[in-house]
């Protein structure tokens, strides 16, 4: 294998690795499941659930940019109680 051929192969490999890293890192939301211990069920935390969370946080004057997993347990309980009293059709 010639020197230029190895250089070209290395360049293609580097480009492939860089492009796959970019595809994985940007533009794709990361969904996860959250367990609701008060109602003993799981919720998929996706764009819809995030919209409910932001609505709840605004209504209750909480910081809506704070990650749900980092709010105190009493506020999480308030959210789940509120969330179970609001169906999927009454989002603003």
C-alpha atoms as a PDB file:
ATOM      1  CA  UNK A   1       0.000   0.000   0.000  1.00  0.00           C
ATOM      2  CA  UNK A   2       1.486   3.316  -0.998  1.00  0.00           C
ATOM      3  CA  UNK A   3       1.905   6.251   1.335  1.00  0.00           C
ATOM      4  CA  UNK A   4      -0.728   8.373  -0.448  1.00  0.00           C
ATOM      5  CA  UNK A   5      -3.193   5.475  -0.411  1.00  0.00           C
ATOM      6  CA  UNK A   6      -2.786   5.056   3.358  1.00  0.00           C
ATOM      7  CA  UNK A   7      -3.227   8.797   3.836  1.00  0.00           C
ATOM      8  CA  UNK A   8      -6.408   8.774   1.754  1.00  0.00           C
ATOM      9  CA  UNK A   9      -7.774   5.751   3.640  1.00  0.00           C
ATOM     10  CA  UNK A  10      -7.052   7.436   6.964  1.00  0.00           C
ATOM     11  CA  UNK A  11      -8.836  10.572   5.781  1.00  0.00           C
ATOM     12  CA  UNK A  12     -11.934   8.611   4.785  1.00  0.00           C
ATOM     13  CA  UNK A  13     -11.952   6.779   8.100  1.00  0.00           C
ATOM     14  CA  UNK A  14     -11.649  10.041  10.042  1.00  0.00           C
ATOM     15  CA  UNK A  15     -14.461  11.625   8.001  1.00  0.00           C
ATOM     16  CA  UNK A  16     -16.735   8.613   8.586  1.00  0.00           C
ATOM     17  CA  UNK A  17     -16.134   8.660  12.337  1.00  0.00           C
ATOM     18  CA  UNK A  18     -16.669  12.410  12.565  1.00  0.00           C
ATOM     19  CA  UNK A  19     -19.910  12.320  10.574  1.00  0.00           C
ATOM     20  CA  UNK A  20     -21.358   9.481  12.655  1.00  0.00           C
ATOM     21  CA  UNK A  21     -20.536  11.387  15.850  1.00  0.00           C
ATOM     22  CA  UNK A  22     -22.286  14.492  14.505  1.00  0.00           C
ATOM     23  CA  UNK A  23     -25.378  12.550  13.503  1.00  0.00           C
ATOM     24  CA  UNK A  24     -25.641  10.992  16.952  1.00  0.00           C
ATOM     25  CA  UNK A  25     -25.091  14.286  18.801  1.00  0.00           C
ATOM     26  CA  UNK A  26     -27.392  16.738  17.109  1.00  0.00           C
ATOM     27  CA  UNK A  27     -30.992  17.019  16.188  1.00  0.00           C
ATOM     28  CA  UNK A  28     -32.294  13.857  17.802  1.00  0.00           C
ATOM     29  CA  UNK A  29     -34.170  14.249  21.067  1.00  0.00           C
ATOM     30  CA  UNK A  30     -33.254  11.867  23.836  1.00  0.00           C
ATOM     31  CA  UNK A  31     -36.322  10.205  25.287  1.00  0.00           C
ATOM     32  CA  UNK A  32     -36.310   8.392  28.568  1.00  0.00           C
ATOM     33  CA  UNK A  33     -38.816   6.763  30.873  1.00  0.00           C
ATOM     34  CA  UNK A  34     -39.725   8.288  34.207  1.00  0.00           C
ATOM     35  CA  UNK A  35     -41.309   6.223  36.951  1.00  0.00           C
ATOM     36  CA  UNK A  36     -44.208   7.814  38.797  1.00  0.00           C
ATOM     37  CA  UNK A  37     -44.110   6.201  42.257  1.00  0.00           C
ATOM     38  CA  UNK A  38     -47.382   7.828  43.352  1.00  0.00           C
ATOM     39  CA  UNK A  39     -49.432   6.267  40.556  1.00  0.00           C
ATOM     40  CA  UNK A  40     -47.128   3.268  39.989  1.00  0.00           C
ATOM     41  CA  UNK A  41     -46.691   3.831  36.272  1.00  0.00           C
ATOM     42  CA  UNK A  42     -44.096   4.918  33.761  1.00  0.00           C
ATOM     43  CA  UNK A  43     -44.185   7.927  31.479  1.00  0.00           C
ATOM     44  CA  UNK A  44     -42.083   8.359  28.371  1.00  0.00           C
ATOM     45  CA  UNK A  45     -40.449  11.747  28.736  1.00  0.00           C
ATOM     46  CA  UNK A  46     -40.730  13.077  25.201  1.00  0.00           C
ATOM     47  CA  UNK A  47     -41.768  16.386  23.627  1.00  0.00           C
ATOM     48  CA  UNK A  48     -45.395  15.891  24.681  1.00  0.00           C
ATOM     49  CA  UNK A  49     -44.574  15.198  28.322  1.00  0.00           C
ATOM     50  CA  UNK A  50     -42.110  18.108  28.336  1.00  0.00           C
ATOM     51  CA  UNK A  51     -44.895  20.404  27.101  1.00  0.00           C
ATOM     52  CA  UNK A  52     -47.107  19.318  30.017  1.00  0.00           C
ATOM     53  CA  UNK A  53     -44.225  19.868  32.419  1.00  0.00           C
ATOM     54  CA  UNK A  54     -43.612  23.381  31.086  1.00  0.00           C
ATOM     55  CA  UNK A  55     -47.316  24.180  31.379  1.00  0.00           C
ATOM     56  CA  UNK A  56     -47.385  22.930  34.976  1.00  0.00           C
ATOM     57  CA  UNK A  57     -44.225  24.865  35.872  1.00  0.00           C
ATOM     58  CA  UNK A  58     -45.651  28.103  34.408  1.00  0.00           C
ATOM     59  CA  UNK A  59     -48.968  27.669  36.209  1.00  0.00           C
ATOM     60  CA  UNK A  60     -47.172  27.071  39.518  1.00  0.00           C
ATOM     61  CA  UNK A  61     -44.494  29.735  39.028  1.00  0.00           C
ATOM     62  CA  UNK A  62     -41.612  27.258  38.960  1.00  0.00           C
ATOM     63  CA  UNK A  63     -38.556  27.439  36.721  1.00  0.00           C
ATOM     64  CA  UNK A  64     -39.737  25.562  33.641  1.00  0.00           C
ATOM     65  CA  UNK A  65     -36.189  25.143  32.339  1.00  0.00           C
ATOM     66  CA  UNK A  66     -35.145  23.046  35.314  1.00  0.00           C
ATOM     67  CA  UNK A  67     -34.822  19.360  34.540  1.00  0.00           C
ATOM     68  CA  UNK A  68     -37.704  17.386  36.046  1.00  0.00           C
ATOM     69  CA  UNK A  69     -35.279  14.826  37.462  1.00  0.00           C
ATOM     70  CA  UNK A  70     -33.611  17.576  39.494  1.00  0.00           C
ATOM     71  CA  UNK A  71     -36.643  19.143  41.156  1.00  0.00           C
ATOM     72  CA  UNK A  72     -37.398  18.199  44.779  1.00  0.00           C
ATOM     73  CA  UNK A  73     -39.558  15.105  45.386  1.00  0.00           C
ATOM     74  CA  UNK A  74     -42.465  17.173  46.732  1.00  0.00           C
ATOM     75  CA  UNK A  75     -42.598  19.140  43.467  1.00  0.00           C
ATOM     76  CA  UNK A  76     -42.377  15.910  41.466  1.00  0.00           C
ATOM     77  CA  UNK A  77     -45.367  14.628  43.433  1.00  0.00           C
ATOM     78  CA  UNK A  78     -47.242  17.872  42.706  1.00  0.00           C
ATOM     79  CA  UNK A  79     -46.473  17.448  39.018  1.00  0.00           C
ATOM     80  CA  UNK A  80     -47.657  13.833  38.869  1.00  0.00           C
ATOM     81  CA  UNK A  81     -50.866  14.710  40.706  1.00  0.00           C
ATOM     82  CA  UNK A  82     -51.461  17.582  38.287  1.00  0.00           C
ATOM     83  CA  UNK A  83     -50.489  15.466  35.280  1.00  0.00           C
ATOM     84  CA  UNK A  84     -52.897  12.664  36.108  1.00  0.00           C
ATOM     85  CA  UNK A  85     -55.730  15.165  36.430  1.00  0.00           C
ATOM     86  CA  UNK A  86     -54.978  16.555  32.937  1.00  0.00           C
ATOM     87  CA  UNK A  87     -55.661  14.272  30.007  1.00  0.00           C
ATOM     88  CA  UNK A  88     -53.733  14.314  26.768  1.00  0.00           C
ATOM     89  CA  UNK A  89     -56.240  16.638  25.105  1.00  0.00           C
ATOM     90  CA  UNK A  90     -56.226  19.755  27.296  1.00  0.00           C
ATOM     91  CA  UNK A  91     -52.739  21.101  26.648  1.00  0.00           C
ATOM     92  CA  UNK A  92     -52.607  24.818  25.824  1.00  0.00           C
END
